[in-house]
Amino acid sequence: MTLEELKKIDRIVRKIPYPFGKNYRVFKAMIREATNDRRTSVPDIIRQYVNWKYNKR
């Protein structure tokens, strides 16, 4: 994924309260939309997003 795509996902995730908790289904649906244009799976995109956030700090 490109940096711009990761930033777009980050903006959406920040709007979701508890994205990895009780609103995980909303988060997962948003990620699934992002995968429609690509041939990557949902776990791969989540992994890339988490790695990007972790390495960003």
N, C-alpha and C. Protein backbone atom coordinates (compact mmCIF):
# COMPACT_ATOMS: atom_id res chain seq x y z
N MET A 1 0.84 -1.18 0.00
CA MET A 1 0.00 0.00 0.00
C MET A 1 0.88 1.24 0.00
N THR A 2 0.35 2.27 -0.59
CA THR A 2 1.09 3.52 -0.61
C THR A 2 0.87 4.28 0.69
N LEU A 3 1.71 5.26 0.91
CA LEU A 3 1.61 6.08 2.10
C LEU A 3 0.28 6.83 2.14
N GLU A 4 -0.18 7.29 1.01
CA GLU A 4 -1.46 8.02 0.96
C GLU A 4 -2.63 7.11 1.32
N GLU A 5 -2.59 5.87 0.88
CA GLU A 5 -3.66 4.93 1.23
C GLU A 5 -3.65 4.63 2.72
N LEU A 6 -2.47 4.48 3.30
CA LEU A 6 -2.38 4.24 4.74
C LEU A 6 -2.89 5.44 5.53
N LYS A 7 -2.59 6.63 5.06
CA LYS A 7 -3.07 7.84 5.74
C LYS A 7 -4.59 7.94 5.64
N LYS A 8 -5.15 7.55 4.50
CA LYS A 8 -6.60 7.57 4.32
C LYS A 8 -7.26 6.61 5.29
N ILE A 9 -6.71 5.41 5.42
CA ILE A 9 -7.24 4.43 6.37
C ILE A 9 -7.11 4.96 7.79
N ASP A 10 -6.00 5.60 8.09
CA ASP A 10 -5.77 6.14 9.43
C ASP A 10 -6.81 7.20 9.78
N ARG A 11 -7.15 8.06 8.83
CA ARG A 11 -8.17 9.08 9.08
C ARG A 11 -9.52 8.45 9.39
N ILE A 12 -9.85 7.41 8.68
CA ILE A 12 -11.13 6.73 8.90
C ILE A 12 -11.11 6.00 10.24
N VAL A 13 -10.00 5.34 10.56
CA VAL A 13 -9.90 4.60 11.82
C VAL A 13 -10.02 5.53 13.01
N ARG A 14 -9.46 6.71 12.90
CA ARG A 14 -9.53 7.68 14.00
C ARG A 14 -10.96 8.13 14.29
N LYS A 15 -11.84 8.02 13.30
CA LYS A 15 -13.25 8.40 13.50
C LYS A 15 -14.04 7.30 14.21
N ILE A 16 -13.53 6.08 14.20
CA ILE A 16 -14.23 4.93 14.79
C ILE A 16 -13.79 4.77 16.25
N PRO A 17 -14.73 4.90 17.19
CA PRO A 17 -14.34 4.65 18.59
C PRO A 17 -14.13 3.15 18.81
N TYR A 18 -13.02 2.81 19.44
CA TYR A 18 -12.65 1.41 19.73
C TYR A 18 -12.63 0.54 18.46
N PRO A 19 -11.78 0.87 17.47
CA PRO A 19 -11.79 0.12 16.21
C PRO A 19 -11.35 -1.33 16.36
N PHE A 20 -10.54 -1.64 17.36
CA PHE A 20 -10.11 -3.03 17.55
C PHE A 20 -10.87 -3.70 18.67
N GLY A 21 -11.91 -3.04 19.17
CA GLY A 21 -12.72 -3.58 20.25
C GLY A 21 -14.13 -3.85 19.76
N LYS A 22 -15.10 -3.15 20.37
CA LYS A 22 -16.50 -3.41 20.07
C LYS A 22 -16.90 -2.98 18.66
N ASN A 23 -16.16 -2.09 18.02
CA ASN A 23 -16.48 -1.65 16.66
C ASN A 23 -15.57 -2.29 15.63
N TYR A 24 -15.06 -3.46 15.92
CA TYR A 24 -14.17 -4.14 14.98
C TYR A 24 -14.87 -4.46 13.67
N ARG A 25 -16.15 -4.75 13.73
CA ARG A 25 -16.88 -5.07 12.49
C ARG A 25 -16.93 -3.87 11.56
N VAL A 26 -17.10 -2.68 12.11
CA VAL A 26 -17.08 -1.46 11.29
C VAL A 26 -15.71 -1.28 10.67
N PHE A 27 -14.68 -1.47 11.49
CA PHE A 27 -13.30 -1.36 11.01
C PHE A 27 -13.03 -2.37 9.90
N LYS A 28 -13.46 -3.60 10.11
CA LYS A 28 -13.23 -4.66 9.14
C LYS A 28 -13.97 -4.38 7.83
N ALA A 29 -15.18 -3.83 7.90
CA ALA A 29 -15.92 -3.48 6.70
C ALA A 29 -15.21 -2.38 5.92
N MET A 30 -14.65 -1.42 6.63
CA MET A 30 -13.92 -0.34 5.98
C MET A 30 -12.68 -0.89 5.29
N ILE A 31 -11.99 -1.80 5.93
CA ILE A 31 -10.81 -2.42 5.33
C ILE A 31 -11.22 -3.25 4.11
N ARG A 32 -12.33 -3.94 4.22
CA ARG A 32 -12.81 -4.75 3.10
C ARG A 32 -13.08 -3.87 1.87
N GLU A 33 -13.61 -2.67 2.08
CA GLU A 33 -13.81 -1.73 0.97
C GLU A 33 -12.48 -1.38 0.32
N ALA A 34 -11.46 -1.19 1.13
CA ALA A 34 -10.14 -0.85 0.60
C ALA A 34 -9.56 -2.00 -0.20
N THR A 35 -9.93 -3.23 0.12
CA THR A 35 -9.37 -4.38 -0.59
C THR A 35 -10.10 -4.66 -1.89
N ASN A 36 -11.25 -4.07 -2.10
CA ASN A 36 -11.98 -4.31 -3.35
C ASN A 36 -11.17 -3.87 -4.56
N ASP A 37 -10.39 -2.82 -4.41
CA ASP A 37 -9.60 -2.31 -5.52
C ASP A 37 -8.27 -3.06 -5.68
N ARG A 38 -7.90 -3.83 -4.68
CA ARG A 38 -6.60 -4.49 -4.68
C ARG A 38 -6.78 -6.00 -4.60
N ARG A 39 -5.70 -6.69 -4.75
CA ARG A 39 -5.72 -8.15 -4.62
C ARG A 39 -5.14 -8.60 -3.29
N THR A 40 -5.08 -7.71 -2.33
CA THR A 40 -4.57 -8.06 -1.01
C THR A 40 -5.73 -8.43 -0.10
N SER A 41 -5.44 -9.23 0.89
CA SER A 41 -6.47 -9.68 1.81
C SER A 41 -6.62 -8.69 2.96
N VAL A 42 -7.71 -8.82 3.70
CA VAL A 42 -7.97 -7.95 4.85
C VAL A 42 -6.86 -8.08 5.90
N PRO A 43 -6.44 -9.30 6.27
CA PRO A 43 -5.35 -9.39 7.26
C PRO A 43 -4.06 -8.73 6.80
N ASP A 44 -3.77 -8.79 5.50
CA ASP A 44 -2.55 -8.14 5.00
C ASP A 44 -2.63 -6.62 5.14
N ILE A 45 -3.77 -6.05 4.84
CA ILE A 45 -3.92 -4.61 4.96
C ILE A 45 -3.86 -4.19 6.42
N ILE A 46 -4.51 -4.94 7.30
CA ILE A 46 -4.45 -4.63 8.73
C ILE A 46 -3.01 -4.72 9.22
N ARG A 47 -2.29 -5.74 8.79
CA ARG A 47 -0.89 -5.91 9.18
C ARG A 47 -0.05 -4.73 8.71
N GLN A 48 -0.25 -4.30 7.47
CA GLN A 48 0.50 -3.16 6.94
C GLN A 48 0.17 -1.88 7.70
N TYR A 49 -1.10 -1.70 8.03
CA TYR A 49 -1.51 -0.51 8.77
C TYR A 49 -0.90 -0.49 10.17
N VAL A 50 -0.95 -1.61 10.86
CA VAL A 50 -0.39 -1.69 12.22
C VAL A 50 1.12 -1.50 12.18
N ASN A 51 1.80 -2.10 11.21
CA ASN A 51 3.24 -1.91 11.09
C ASN A 51 3.58 -0.45 10.82
N TRP A 52 2.82 0.18 9.97
CA TRP A 52 3.05 1.60 9.66
C TRP A 52 2.86 2.46 10.91
N LYS A 53 1.79 2.22 11.67
CA LYS A 53 1.55 2.99 12.88
C LYS A 53 2.65 2.74 13.92
N TYR A 54 3.09 1.51 14.05
CA TYR A 54 4.12 1.16 15.02
C TYR A 54 5.47 1.82 14.66
N ASN A 55 5.83 1.76 13.40
CA ASN A 55 7.11 2.31 12.97
C ASN A 55 7.09 3.84 12.84
N LYS A 56 5.92 4.40 12.81
CA LYS A 56 5.78 5.84 12.66
C LYS A 56 6.25 6.56 13.92
N ARG A 57 6.12 5.95 15.07
CA ARG A 57 6.46 6.60 16.34
C ARG A 57 7.90 6.55 16.66
